Protein backbone atom coordinates (compact mmCIF):
# COMPACT_ATOMS: atom_id res chain seq x y z
CA MET A 1 0.00 0.00 0.00
CA LEU A 2 1.44 3.31 -1.07
CA GLY A 3 2.12 5.89 1.65
CA GLU A 4 1.70 9.62 1.35
CA VAL A 5 4.53 11.33 -0.45
CA PRO A 6 6.24 14.12 1.54
CA ALA A 7 5.41 17.74 0.84
CA ALA A 8 6.76 19.06 -2.45
CA SER A 9 7.59 22.54 -3.65
CA ILE A 10 7.43 23.89 -7.18
CA PHE A 11 9.69 26.79 -8.11
CA VAL A 12 8.50 28.83 -11.06
CA PRO A 13 11.02 31.36 -12.39
CA GLY A 14 9.52 34.81 -12.84
CA GLY A 15 10.83 35.60 -16.29
CA GLY A 16 14.22 33.78 -16.24
CA ALA A 17 15.54 31.78 -19.22
CA GLY A 18 15.48 28.00 -19.48
CA GLY A 19 12.93 25.28 -18.66
CA GLU A 20 12.08 23.33 -15.54
CA ASN A 21 14.39 20.70 -14.05
CA VAL A 22 12.90 17.18 -13.84
CA ASN A 23 13.97 14.12 -11.90
CA ALA A 24 14.41 10.58 -13.15
CA ASP A 25 10.65 9.95 -12.91
CA GLY A 26 9.92 12.92 -15.15
CA ARG A 27 8.55 15.03 -12.32
CA PRO A 28 9.67 18.64 -11.99
CA VAL A 29 12.00 19.47 -9.16
CA PRO A 30 12.92 22.90 -7.82
CA SER A 31 15.89 24.49 -9.54
CA ALA A 32 16.54 26.52 -6.39
CA PRO A 33 15.32 26.34 -2.80
CA PRO A 34 12.17 28.36 -2.09
CA ALA A 35 14.15 30.64 0.22
CA ALA A 36 16.29 31.73 -2.72
CA ALA A 37 13.30 32.98 -4.76
CA ALA A 38 13.43 36.70 -5.45
CA GLY A 39 12.08 39.36 -7.73
CA ASN A 40 9.05 38.09 -9.67
CA ASP A 41 9.57 34.42 -8.72
CA VAL A 42 6.51 32.72 -7.17
CA VAL A 43 6.68 29.75 -4.81
CA VAL A 44 3.61 27.54 -4.43
CA THR A 45 3.72 24.81 -1.80
CA GLY A 46 1.63 21.66 -1.71
CA ARG A 47 1.53 17.94 -0.85
CA MET A 48 1.80 15.24 -3.50
CA ALA A 49 -1.15 12.87 -3.43
CA ALA A 50 -0.55 9.18 -2.87
CA GLY A 51 0.02 7.20 -6.04
CA GLY A 52 1.54 10.11 -7.93
CA GLY A 53 -1.71 12.09 -8.36
CA LEU A 54 -1.98 15.84 -8.70
CA PRO A 55 -0.80 17.77 -5.65
CA THR A 56 -3.07 19.89 -3.48
CA PHE A 57 -1.77 23.45 -3.33
CA THR A 58 -2.03 25.85 -0.42
CA GLN A 59 -2.50 29.59 -1.06
CA THR A 60 0.25 31.73 0.44
CA PRO A 61 -0.41 35.04 2.26
CA GLU A 62 1.16 36.90 -0.65
CA LEU A 63 -1.37 35.44 -3.09
CA ALA A 64 -4.19 36.30 -0.70
CA GLN A 65 -3.08 39.94 -0.65
CA VAL A 66 -2.98 39.99 -4.44
CA GLY A 67 -6.53 38.64 -4.50
CA GLU A 68 -7.74 41.35 -2.12
CA LYS A 69 -6.15 44.06 -4.25
CA LEU A 70 -7.74 42.64 -7.40
CA ASP A 71 -11.14 42.62 -5.69
CA LYS A 72 -10.71 46.29 -4.71
CA ILE A 73 -9.69 47.22 -8.25
CA LYS A 74 -12.68 45.34 -9.64
CA LYS A 75 -15.08 47.08 -7.24
CA TRP A 76 -13.59 50.50 -8.03
CA THR A 77 -13.82 49.84 -11.78
CA VAL A 78 -17.48 48.80 -11.57
CA ASN A 79 -18.43 51.82 -9.43
CA THR A 80 -16.55 54.22 -11.70
CA PHE A 81 -18.30 52.78 -14.75
CA LYS A 82 -21.72 53.15 -13.13
CA ASN A 83 -21.06 56.73 -12.04
CA THR A 84 -19.72 57.71 -15.46
CA LYS A 85 -22.71 56.10 -17.17
CA GLN A 86 -25.05 58.04 -14.87
CA GLN A 87 -23.33 61.34 -15.72
CA VAL A 88 -23.39 60.66 -19.47
CA PHE A 89 -27.07 59.68 -19.44
CA GLU A 90 -27.89 62.81 -17.41
CA GLN A 91 -26.18 65.00 -20.02
CA TRP A 92 -28.09 63.25 -22.80
CA GLY A 93 -31.35 63.62 -20.92
CA LYS A 94 -31.97 59.85 -20.90
CA ILE A 95 -32.22 59.48 -17.13
CA ASP A 96 -33.56 61.58 -14.28
CA ARG A 97 -31.36 63.05 -11.55
CA THR A 98 -31.86 64.36 -8.03
CA VAL A 99 -32.29 68.14 -8.24
CA ASP A 100 -31.96 70.71 -5.45
CA THR A 101 -32.47 73.98 -7.32
CA GLU A 102 -31.63 76.31 -4.44
CA PHE A 103 -28.51 74.38 -3.41
CA GLU A 104 -27.18 74.14 -6.96
CA ALA A 105 -27.79 77.87 -7.53
CA GLU A 106 -25.77 78.70 -4.42
CA CYS A 107 -22.95 76.44 -5.60
CA GLU A 108 -22.85 78.07 -9.02
CA THR A 109 -22.79 81.52 -7.42
CA LEU A 110 -19.74 80.53 -5.39
CA ARG A 111 -18.01 79.15 -8.49
CA GLU A 112 -18.54 82.44 -10.29
CA LEU A 113 -17.30 84.34 -7.22
CA HIS A 114 -14.21 82.13 -7.15
CA ARG A 115 -13.47 82.95 -10.80
CA ARG A 116 -13.74 86.69 -10.09
CA TYR A 117 -11.41 86.41 -7.11
CA GLY A 118 -8.98 84.71 -9.47
CA VAL A 119 -9.10 87.74 -11.76
CA VAL A 120 -8.40 90.05 -8.79
CA VAL A 121 -5.41 87.92 -7.75
CA ALA A 122 -3.98 87.91 -11.29
CA SER A 123 -4.51 91.67 -11.70
CA SER A 124 -2.93 92.40 -8.32
CA ALA A 125 0.12 90.32 -9.22
CA THR A 126 0.46 92.20 -12.53
CA PHE A 127 0.10 95.60 -10.85
CA LEU A 128 2.68 94.68 -8.21
CA SER A 129 5.15 93.56 -10.88
CA VAL A 130 4.73 96.77 -12.89
CA PHE A 131 4.97 98.92 -9.76
CA GLU A 132 8.21 97.20 -8.73
CA GLN A 133 9.62 97.99 -12.15
CA LEU A 134 8.49 101.63 -11.79
CA SER A 135 10.17 101.88 -8.39
CA ALA A 136 13.41 100.47 -9.79
CA ALA A 137 13.22 102.92 -12.71
CA GLU A 138 12.77 105.86 -10.29
CA LYS A 139 15.89 104.84 -8.40
CA THR A 140 17.85 104.47 -11.62
CA LEU A 141 16.71 107.86 -12.94
CA ALA A 142 17.53 109.60 -9.63
CA GLU A 143 21.03 108.13 -9.67
CA SER A 144 21.60 109.07 -13.32
CA LEU A 145 20.57 112.71 -12.61
CA TYR A 146 23.00 112.84 -9.71
CA GLN A 147 25.81 111.57 -11.93
CA LEU A 148 24.90 114.14 -14.57
CA SER A 149 24.98 116.99 -12.02
CA LEU A 150 28.61 116.20 -11.30
CA LYS A 151 29.54 117.17 -14.86
CA GLU A 152 26.88 119.75 -15.68
CA GLN A 153 27.39 122.53 -13.14
CA ALA A 154 24.90 124.79 -14.93
CA VAL A 155 21.96 122.45 -14.16
CA LYS A 156 23.27 120.94 -10.96
CA SER A 157 20.58 122.53 -8.81
CA GLN A 158 17.74 121.36 -11.06
CA CYS A 159 19.18 117.85 -11.29
CA GLY A 160 19.44 117.71 -7.52
CA THR A 161 15.83 118.85 -7.03
CA VAL A 162 14.35 116.34 -9.48
CA GLY A 163 16.63 113.54 -8.24
CA GLU A 164 15.59 114.17 -4.63
CA SER A 165 11.91 114.03 -5.61
CA LEU A 166 12.45 110.74 -7.41
CA ARG A 167 14.37 109.34 -4.45
CA LYS A 168 11.49 110.17 -2.09
CA LEU A 169 9.01 108.64 -4.52
CA SER A 170 11.12 105.50 -4.58
CA GLU A 171 11.14 105.34 -0.79
CA HIS A 172 7.36 105.73 -0.69
CA ALA A 173 7.04 103.11 -3.40
CA SER A 174 8.89 100.65 -1.22
CA GLY A 175 6.22 101.03 1.47
CA LEU A 176 3.38 100.69 -1.04
CA GLU A 177 5.02 97.56 -2.47
CA LYS A 178 4.86 95.96 0.95
CA CYS A 179 1.16 96.86 1.27
CA LEU A 180 0.46 95.40 -2.16
CA LYS A 181 2.29 92.20 -1.25
CA TYR A 182 0.25 91.76 1.94
CA PHE A 183 -2.95 92.43 0.00
CA LEU A 184 -1.97 89.95 -2.72
CA SER A 185 -1.05 87.31 -0.14
CA THR A 186 -4.43 87.59 1.57
CA MET A 187 -6.38 87.52 -1.69
CA THR A 188 -4.40 84.46 -2.80
CA THR A 189 -5.26 82.69 0.45
CA VAL A 190 -8.95 83.47 0.04
CA TYR A 191 -8.89 82.33 -3.61
CA GLU A 192 -6.65 79.25 -3.44
CA LYS A 193 -7.52 77.93 0.03
CA THR A 194 -10.61 79.39 1.68
CA ILE A 195 -13.04 79.34 -1.26
CA ALA A 196 -11.35 76.31 -2.82
CA ASP A 197 -11.92 74.34 0.39
CA THR A 198 -15.68 74.95 0.11
CA LEU A 199 -15.61 74.04 -3.59
CA ASP A 200 -13.94 70.72 -2.70
CA THR A 201 -16.83 69.96 -0.35
CA ILE A 202 -19.27 70.87 -3.12
CA SER A 203 -17.51 68.42 -5.44
CA ALA A 204 -17.77 65.71 -2.79
CA ALA A 205 -21.50 66.44 -2.41
CA ASP A 206 -22.01 66.24 -6.17
CA GLN A 207 -20.19 62.90 -6.29
CA ALA A 208 -22.37 61.64 -3.43
CA ARG A 209 -25.46 62.76 -5.37
CA ILE A 210 -24.35 60.73 -8.41
CA GLU A 211 -23.73 57.64 -6.27
CA PHE A 212 -27.15 58.08 -4.66
CA ASP A 213 -28.86 58.34 -8.05
CA VAL A 214 -27.06 55.22 -9.32
CA SER A 215 -28.19 53.27 -6.26
CA ARG A 216 -31.72 54.72 -6.51
CA HIS A 217 -32.08 53.56 -10.12
CA GLU A 218 -30.73 50.10 -9.26
CA LEU A 219 -33.31 49.82 -6.47
CA ALA A 220 -36.12 50.87 -8.83
CA SER A 221 -34.94 48.29 -11.35
CA LEU A 222 -35.01 45.53 -8.72
CA GLN A 223 -38.43 46.56 -7.45
CA SER A 224 -39.85 46.37 -10.96
CA SER A 225 -38.27 42.97 -11.65
CA PRO A 226 -40.55 39.96 -10.94
CA THR A 227 -37.54 37.71 -10.32
CA ALA A 228 -35.85 39.90 -7.69
CA SER A 229 -35.74 38.36 -4.22
CA PRO A 230 -36.98 40.30 -1.17
CA SER A 231 -33.52 40.07 0.41
CA ALA A 232 -31.87 41.65 -2.66
CA ILE A 233 -34.41 44.46 -2.64
CA MET A 234 -33.85 45.02 1.07
CA GLN A 235 -30.07 45.18 0.62
CA ALA A 236 -30.45 47.63 -2.27
CA LYS A 237 -32.78 49.79 -0.18
CA GLU A 238 -30.33 49.91 2.74
CA LYS A 239 -27.54 50.82 0.31
CA THR A 240 -29.66 53.60 -1.21
CA ASP A 241 -30.56 54.97 2.23
CA ALA A 242 -26.87 55.05 3.18
CA PHE A 243 -25.99 57.00 0.03
CA ARG A 244 -28.89 59.40 0.63
CA GLU A 245 -27.71 60.04 4.19
CA ARG A 246 -24.15 60.75 3.00
CA TYR A 247 -25.46 63.15 0.34
CA ASP A 248 -27.63 65.03 2.86
CA ASN A 249 -24.76 65.27 5.36
CA LEU A 250 -22.42 66.75 2.74
CA LYS A 251 -25.06 69.28 1.71
CA ARG A 252 -25.35 70.37 5.33
CA ASP A 253 -21.57 70.74 5.50
CA VAL A 254 -21.59 72.87 2.35
CA ARG A 255 -24.33 75.16 3.68
CA THR A 256 -22.43 75.59 6.94
CA LYS A 257 -19.32 76.56 5.01
CA PHE A 258 -21.38 78.94 2.88
CA ARG A 259 -22.46 80.81 6.00
CA LEU A 260 -19.01 80.93 7.60
CA LEU A 261 -17.35 81.80 4.31
CA GLU A 262 -19.71 84.74 3.76
CA GLU A 263 -19.03 86.18 7.21
CA ASN A 264 -15.25 85.80 7.17
CA ARG A 265 -14.70 86.64 3.51
CA VAL A 266 -16.52 89.96 3.70
CA LYS A 267 -14.79 90.87 6.97
CA VAL A 268 -11.30 90.12 5.66
CA LEU A 269 -11.86 91.77 2.28
CA THR A 270 -13.27 94.94 3.89
CA GLN A 271 -10.24 95.30 6.17
CA GLN A 272 -7.77 94.68 3.35
CA LEU A 273 -9.40 97.17 0.98
CA ASP A 274 -9.59 99.87 3.65
CA LYS A 275 -5.89 99.51 4.48
CA LEU A 276 -4.90 99.41 0.82
CA GLN A 277 -6.89 102.59 0.14
CA THR A 278 -5.13 104.32 3.03
CA ALA A 279 -1.76 103.19 1.68
CA LEU A 280 -2.54 104.45 -1.84
CA ALA A 281 -3.68 107.82 -0.53
CA ALA A 282 -0.54 108.13 1.62
CA TYR A 283 1.69 107.21 -1.33
CA PHE A 284 0.26 109.76 -3.75
CA SER A 285 0.13 112.48 -1.09
CA GLY A 286 3.70 111.82 -0.01
CA ASN A 287 2.69 111.01 3.57
CA ALA A 288 5.48 108.66 4.56
CA GLN A 289 4.27 108.31 8.17
CA ALA A 290 0.74 107.23 7.17
CA LEU A 291 2.18 104.84 4.61
CA ALA A 292 4.45 103.20 7.19
CA LEU A 293 1.45 102.84 9.53
CA SER A 294 -0.57 101.12 6.81
CA VAL A 295 2.28 98.68 6.22
CA GLU A 296 2.39 97.72 9.89
CA GLU A 297 -1.39 97.33 10.09
CA LEU A 298 -1.52 95.09 7.03
CA LYS A 299 1.38 93.05 8.35
CA ALA A 300 -0.41 92.51 11.67
CA MET A 301 -3.62 91.29 10.01
CA ALA A 302 -3.74 87.49 9.97
CA ALA A 303 -4.71 85.74 6.77
CA PRO A 304 -7.85 83.56 6.99
CA ASN A 305 -7.62 79.80 7.48
CA ASN A 306 -8.14 77.54 4.50
CA SER A 307 -11.19 75.99 6.19
CA PHE A 308 -13.56 77.64 8.62
CA LEU A 309 -14.79 74.26 9.89
CA GLN A 310 -11.42 73.24 11.34
């Protein structure tokens, strides 16, 4: 009577050249111990059945992890396909969608406001760049007039007067540059972080709405099918309720951010514009003391956080 053959190992090269090694009986034998496997090599262990039958293989933890990852990829692919199909059919008008007219109008208003803040940020950056060039040109012209006065004694007094005026303008410009930089920094924070944070939450709510609609249509399809089991319908209903709850929660988060964003945005923008106006008036009037005060006040003003819910 044949006894059970000891455990065997099969070593499969992961891309190396050459075939398998076989023993005298024609059975494959490992070309290297399992411990020496590396790279893309895969080791599968098992026990040879009595009488030379096919071995029974045992799944390794590594293969189990690969299976879990493949399941996750499969689930993500299916969900992405369903969501994309829902969006395409909505655009074609072939399927209904959940509509909250007031909420969507508020979201579109914020998107338009975000675009206009972007224009302000871009214009401020352009103005600051041009003003820095003007300040540098004033310094250069003042220096060139001074050098000219050393050789032209007849116009030395006039060169000195104009050069001194340009030098003072340049000094005032330095203070206004700082005010413009603080203003630009705050506007950039509001545009790129504060409003963008609320827009990210809006995007999450819109994605949740799509997932809810997909689940809602699947539930309706099951309910209208005569072959659908009560347990399948119940599971689909629980899934739909969960998506609806997530969608409602995200809409509440968005509305909370709307309120906080309105309060803080207006407050910050009002302060920044007031200080910038004071700085501009001080610059053009030649009031160096008022200009320096505006710089310090703008410097002391803290920029808003990127999220008012933190």
